[in-house]
Amino acid sequence: MAIAVPAGLLFPEALLHTHWFAVLATFVAINTVMYAALALAKILPKVNPSDWIRKRNERSETRSIDPGSTR
């Protein structure tokens, strides 16, 4: 015999004020933020700082026989 609960599974309000529930909620929050950060990092293009900063031994112009090459 099943009992229908229209609002889903409900816990007593006292359970929400326990220490272990706060620890569990904190873990879930940190896990969610980390998952979102990793997903965002995977979507964004890779950042190469060497593309922005010119090294001392790097030529300002290419000396290749191929005029379309960038390096």
C-alpha atoms as a PDB file:
ATOM      1  CA  MET A   1       0.000   0.000   0.000  1.00  0.00           C
ATOM      2  CA  ALA A   2       1.587   3.243  -1.146  1.00  0.00           C
ATOM      3  CA  ILE A   3       0.954   6.638   0.369  1.00  0.00           C
ATOM      4  CA  ALA A   4       0.823   9.513  -2.094  1.00  0.00           C
ATOM      5  CA  VAL A   5       2.692  12.625  -0.974  1.00  0.00           C
ATOM      6  CA  PRO A   6       1.759  15.522  -3.264  1.00  0.00           C
ATOM      7  CA  ALA A   7       4.813  17.694  -2.488  1.00  0.00           C
ATOM      8  CA  GLY A   8       7.382  14.896  -2.705  1.00  0.00           C
ATOM      9  CA  LEU A   9       9.505  13.624   0.164  1.00  0.00           C
ATOM     10  CA  LEU A  10       9.363  16.045   3.061  1.00  0.00           C
ATOM     11  CA  PHE A  11      11.794  16.145   5.990  1.00  0.00           C
ATOM     12  CA  PRO A  12      11.006  17.710   9.327  1.00  0.00           C
ATOM     13  CA  GLU A  13      12.216  21.279   9.775  1.00  0.00           C
ATOM     14  CA  ALA A  14      14.406  20.279  12.722  1.00  0.00           C
ATOM     15  CA  LEU A  15      16.538  18.193  10.364  1.00  0.00           C
ATOM     16  CA  LEU A  16      17.495  21.313   8.398  1.00  0.00           C
ATOM     17  CA  HIS A  17      19.067  22.879  11.510  1.00  0.00           C
ATOM     18  CA  THR A  18      21.418  20.004  12.360  1.00  0.00           C
ATOM     19  CA  HIS A  19      25.200  20.243  12.078  1.00  0.00           C
ATOM     20  CA  TRP A  20      25.613  17.352   9.633  1.00  0.00           C
ATOM     21  CA  PHE A  21      23.014  18.832   7.283  1.00  0.00           C
ATOM     22  CA  ALA A  22      24.966  22.130   7.204  1.00  0.00           C
ATOM     23  CA  VAL A  23      28.167  20.199   6.430  1.00  0.00           C
ATOM     24  CA  LEU A  24      26.421  18.308   3.643  1.00  0.00           C
ATOM     25  CA  ALA A  25      24.943  21.514   2.203  1.00  0.00           C
ATOM     26  CA  THR A  26      28.387  23.167   2.276  1.00  0.00           C
ATOM     27  CA  PHE A  27      29.949  20.192   0.471  1.00  0.00           C
ATOM     28  CA  VAL A  28      27.242  20.265  -2.202  1.00  0.00           C
ATOM     29  CA  ALA A  29      27.685  24.028  -2.681  1.00  0.00           C
ATOM     30  CA  ILE A  30      31.483  23.754  -3.064  1.00  0.00           C
ATOM     31  CA  ASN A  31      31.106  20.783  -5.391  1.00  0.00           C
ATOM     32  CA  THR A  32      28.634  22.701  -7.565  1.00  0.00           C
ATOM     33  CA  VAL A  33      30.891  25.762  -7.816  1.00  0.00           C
ATOM     34  CA  MET A  34      33.924  23.612  -8.708  1.00  0.00           C
ATOM     35  CA  TYR A  35      31.965  21.692 -11.350  1.00  0.00           C
ATOM     36  CA  ALA A  36      30.733  24.954 -12.907  1.00  0.00           C
ATOM     37  CA  ALA A  37      34.268  26.418 -12.900  1.00  0.00           C
ATOM     38  CA  LEU A  38      35.714  23.314 -14.565  1.00  0.00           C
ATOM     39  CA  ALA A  39      32.944  23.289 -17.179  1.00  0.00           C
ATOM     40  CA  LEU A  40      33.542  26.970 -17.926  1.00  0.00           C
ATOM     41  CA  ALA A  41      37.307  26.442 -18.161  1.00  0.00           C
ATOM     42  CA  LYS A  42      36.758  23.634 -20.640  1.00  0.00           C
ATOM     43  CA  ILE A  43      34.548  25.820 -22.852  1.00  0.00           C
ATOM     44  CA  LEU A  44      36.865  28.854 -22.960  1.00  0.00           C
ATOM     45  CA  PRO A  45      39.846  28.853 -25.337  1.00  0.00           C
ATOM     46  CA  LYS A  46      43.316  28.104 -23.982  1.00  0.00           C
ATOM     47  CA  VAL A  47      45.225  31.183 -22.837  1.00  0.00           C
ATOM     48  CA  ASN A  48      48.852  31.448 -23.937  1.00  0.00           C
ATOM     49  CA  PRO A  49      50.629  34.321 -22.151  1.00  0.00           C
ATOM     50  CA  SER A  50      53.549  33.962 -24.561  1.00  0.00           C
ATOM     51  CA  ASP A  51      51.285  35.300 -27.316  1.00  0.00           C
ATOM     52  CA  TRP A  52      50.961  38.627 -25.473  1.00  0.00           C
ATOM     53  CA  ILE A  53      54.529  39.060 -24.244  1.00  0.00           C
ATOM     54  CA  ARG A  54      57.368  39.254 -26.752  1.00  0.00           C
ATOM     55  CA  LYS A  55      60.556  37.494 -25.764  1.00  0.00           C
ATOM     56  CA  ARG A  56      63.967  39.115 -26.213  1.00  0.00           C
ATOM     57  CA  ASN A  57      65.145  36.483 -28.691  1.00  0.00           C
ATOM     58  CA  GLU A  58      61.982  36.559 -30.825  1.00  0.00           C
ATOM     59  CA  ARG A  59      62.100  38.366 -34.177  1.00  0.00           C
ATOM     60  CA  SER A  60      59.651  41.186 -34.838  1.00  0.00           C
ATOM     61  CA  GLU A  61      59.148  39.956 -38.424  1.00  0.00           C
ATOM     62  CA  THR A  62      59.142  36.513 -39.956  1.00  0.00           C
ATOM     63  CA  ARG A  63      62.092  35.522 -42.126  1.00  0.00           C
ATOM     64  CA  SER A  64      60.336  32.581 -43.709  1.00  0.00           C
ATOM     65  CA  ILE A  65      60.117  32.133 -47.479  1.00  0.00           C
ATOM     66  CA  ASP A  66      56.373  31.655 -46.971  1.00  0.00           C
ATOM     67  CA  PRO A  67      54.913  35.186 -46.633  1.00  0.00           C
ATOM     68  CA  GLY A  68      51.685  33.907 -45.060  1.00  0.00           C
ATOM     69  CA  SER A  69      53.369  32.243 -42.099  1.00  0.00           C
ATOM     70  CA  THR A  70      53.174  34.032 -38.777  1.00  0.00           C
ATOM     71  CA  ARG A  71      56.230  32.404 -37.206  1.00  0.00           C
END
